[in-house]
C-alpha atoms as a PDB file:
ATOM      1  CA  UNK A   1     128.730 139.959 154.351  1.00  0.00           C
ATOM      2  CA  UNK A   2     130.981 137.605 152.391  1.00  0.00           C
ATOM      3  CA  UNK A   3     129.781 134.695 154.499  1.00  0.00           C
ATOM      4  CA  UNK A   4     126.162 135.561 153.696  1.00  0.00           C
ATOM      5  CA  UNK A   5     126.911 135.868 149.993  1.00  0.00           C
ATOM      6  CA  UNK A   6     128.656 132.483 150.078  1.00  0.00           C
ATOM      7  CA  UNK A   7     125.695 130.925 151.898  1.00  0.00           C
ATOM      8  CA  UNK A   8     123.242 132.363 149.369  1.00  0.00           C
ATOM      9  CA  UNK A   9     125.378 131.068 146.506  1.00  0.00           C
ATOM     10  CA  UNK A  10     125.492 127.634 148.151  1.00  0.00           C
ATOM     11  CA  UNK A  11     121.724 127.646 148.636  1.00  0.00           C
ATOM     12  CA  UNK A  12     121.216 128.684 145.029  1.00  0.00           C
ATOM     13  CA  UNK A  13     123.504 125.890 143.840  1.00  0.00           C
ATOM     14  CA  UNK A  14     121.630 123.359 146.005  1.00  0.00           C
ATOM     15  CA  UNK A  15     118.276 124.586 144.704  1.00  0.00           C
ATOM     16  CA  UNK A  16     119.449 124.361 141.098  1.00  0.00           C
ATOM     17  CA  UNK A  17     120.777 120.858 141.674  1.00  0.00           C
ATOM     18  CA  UNK A  18     117.504 119.829 143.318  1.00  0.00           C
ATOM     19  CA  UNK A  19     115.505 121.239 140.377  1.00  0.00           C
ATOM     20  CA  UNK A  20     117.757 119.397 137.932  1.00  0.00           C
ATOM     21  CA  UNK A  21     117.221 116.112 139.806  1.00  0.00           C
ATOM     22  CA  UNK A  22     113.457 116.710 139.932  1.00  0.00           C
ATOM     23  CA  UNK A  23     113.330 117.395 136.210  1.00  0.00           C
ATOM     24  CA  UNK A  24     115.368 114.284 135.456  1.00  0.00           C
ATOM     25  CA  UNK A  25     113.059 112.214 137.663  1.00  0.00           C
ATOM     26  CA  UNK A  26     109.955 113.588 135.944  1.00  0.00           C
ATOM     27  CA  UNK A  27     111.472 112.917 132.533  1.00  0.00           C
ATOM     28  CA  UNK A  28     112.277 109.335 133.520  1.00  0.00           C
ATOM     29  CA  UNK A  29     108.703 108.832 134.754  1.00  0.00           C
ATOM     30  CA  UNK A  30     107.288 110.247 131.517  1.00  0.00           C
ATOM     31  CA  UNK A  31     109.522 107.956 129.438  1.00  0.00           C
ATOM     32  CA  UNK A  32     108.474 104.934 131.501  1.00  0.00           C
ATOM     33  CA  UNK A  33     104.811 105.848 131.090  1.00  0.00           C
ATOM     34  CA  UNK A  34     105.317 106.270 127.356  1.00  0.00           C
ATOM     35  CA  UNK A  35     106.912 102.820 127.102  1.00  0.00           C
ATOM     36  CA  UNK A  36     104.075 101.266 129.132  1.00  0.00           C
ATOM     37  CA  UNK A  37     101.484 102.963 126.933  1.00  0.00           C
ATOM     38  CA  UNK A  38     103.209 101.704 123.782  1.00  0.00           C
ATOM     39  CA  UNK A  39     103.232  98.152 125.179  1.00  0.00           C
ATOM     40  CA  UNK A  40      99.535  98.403 126.088  1.00  0.00           C
ATOM     41  CA  UNK A  41      98.774  99.636 122.585  1.00  0.00           C
ATOM     42  CA  UNK A  42     100.736  96.764 121.002  1.00  0.00           C
ATOM     43  CA  UNK A  43      98.944  94.255 123.219  1.00  0.00           C
ATOM     44  CA  UNK A  44      95.544  95.725 122.374  1.00  0.00           C
ATOM     45  CA  UNK A  45      96.311  95.641 118.647  1.00  0.00           C
ATOM     46  CA  UNK A  46      97.426  92.019 118.892  1.00  0.00           C
ATOM     47  CA  UNK A  47      94.283  91.093 120.843  1.00  0.00           C
ATOM     48  CA  UNK A  48      92.062  92.857 118.321  1.00  0.00           C
ATOM     49  CA  UNK A  49      93.778  91.026 115.471  1.00  0.00           C
ATOM     50  CA  UNK A  50      93.280  87.723 117.294  1.00  0.00           C
ATOM     51  CA  UNK A  51      89.608  88.493 117.889  1.00  0.00           C
ATOM     52  CA  UNK A  52      89.154  89.387 114.239  1.00  0.00           C
ATOM     53  CA  UNK A  53      90.771  86.125 113.136  1.00  0.00           C
ATOM     54  CA  UNK A  54      88.536  84.145 115.524  1.00  0.00           C
ATOM     55  CA  UNK A  55      85.446  85.949 114.276  1.00  0.00           C
ATOM     56  CA  UNK A  56      86.358  85.293 110.644  1.00  0.00           C
ATOM     57  CA  UNK A  57      87.005  81.612 111.371  1.00  0.00           C
ATOM     58  CA  UNK A  58      83.674  81.360 113.207  1.00  0.00           C
ATOM     59  CA  UNK A  59      81.856  82.959 110.274  1.00  0.00           C
ATOM     60  CA  UNK A  60      83.557  80.568 107.838  1.00  0.00           C
ATOM     61  CA  UNK A  61      82.493  77.553 109.918  1.00  0.00           C
ATOM     62  CA  UNK A  62      78.937  78.883 110.184  1.00  0.00           C
ATOM     63  CA  UNK A  63      78.733  79.409 106.425  1.00  0.00           C
ATOM     64  CA  UNK A  64      80.067  75.902 105.754  1.00  0.00           C
ATOM     65  CA  UNK A  65      77.514  74.446 108.181  1.00  0.00           C
ATOM     66  CA  UNK A  66      74.676  76.363 106.526  1.00  0.00           C
ATOM     67  CA  UNK A  67      75.824  75.230 103.091  1.00  0.00           C
ATOM     68  CA  UNK A  68      75.947  71.598 104.252  1.00  0.00           C
ATOM     69  CA  UNK A  69      72.450  71.884 105.687  1.00  0.00           C
ATOM     70  CA  UNK A  70      71.144  73.474 102.476  1.00  0.00           C
ATOM     71  CA  UNK A  71      72.744  70.747 100.349  1.00  0.00           C
ATOM     72  CA  UNK A  72      71.298  68.013 102.558  1.00  0.00           C
ATOM     73  CA  UNK A  73      67.854  69.611 102.346  1.00  0.00           C
ATOM     74  CA  UNK A  74      68.151  69.831  98.568  1.00  0.00           C
ATOM     75  CA  UNK A  75      69.182  66.169  98.370  1.00  0.00           C
ATOM     76  CA  UNK A  76      66.198  65.149 100.528  1.00  0.00           C
ATOM     77  CA  UNK A  77      63.847  67.183  98.350  1.00  0.00           C
ATOM     78  CA  UNK A  78      65.193  65.583  95.151  1.00  0.00           C
ATOM     79  CA  UNK A  79      64.975  62.127  96.704  1.00  0.00           C
ATOM     80  CA  UNK A  80      61.384  62.743  97.763  1.00  0.00           C
ATOM     81  CA  UNK A  81      60.465  63.891  94.233  1.00  0.00           C
ATOM     82  CA  UNK A  82      62.022  60.774  92.655  1.00  0.00           C
ATOM     83  CA  UNK A  83      60.129  58.329  94.873  1.00  0.00           C
ATOM     84  CA  UNK A  84      56.629  57.500  93.692  1.00  0.00           C
ATOM     85  CA  UNK A  85      53.841  58.117  96.170  1.00  0.00           C
ATOM     86  CA  UNK A  86      52.651  55.081  98.028  1.00  0.00           C
END
């Protein structure tokens, strides 16, 4: 009887230790996943900021080009008005 009680106590201790190890493993996995997710989020934010900066720079260049074209057209129109017809 004592032997059986000792065996059951040993089994219980082993099971508790196994559960503790499993819980620690799961917690470590969750922490690792959380860190990976945070890194992905940081990377995505940085990429979005970079894309926004590129888009703003592109828009600025486009506006400058359009302004240059408009000014050139205006200059041509004024020049044409100043020249007498032939």
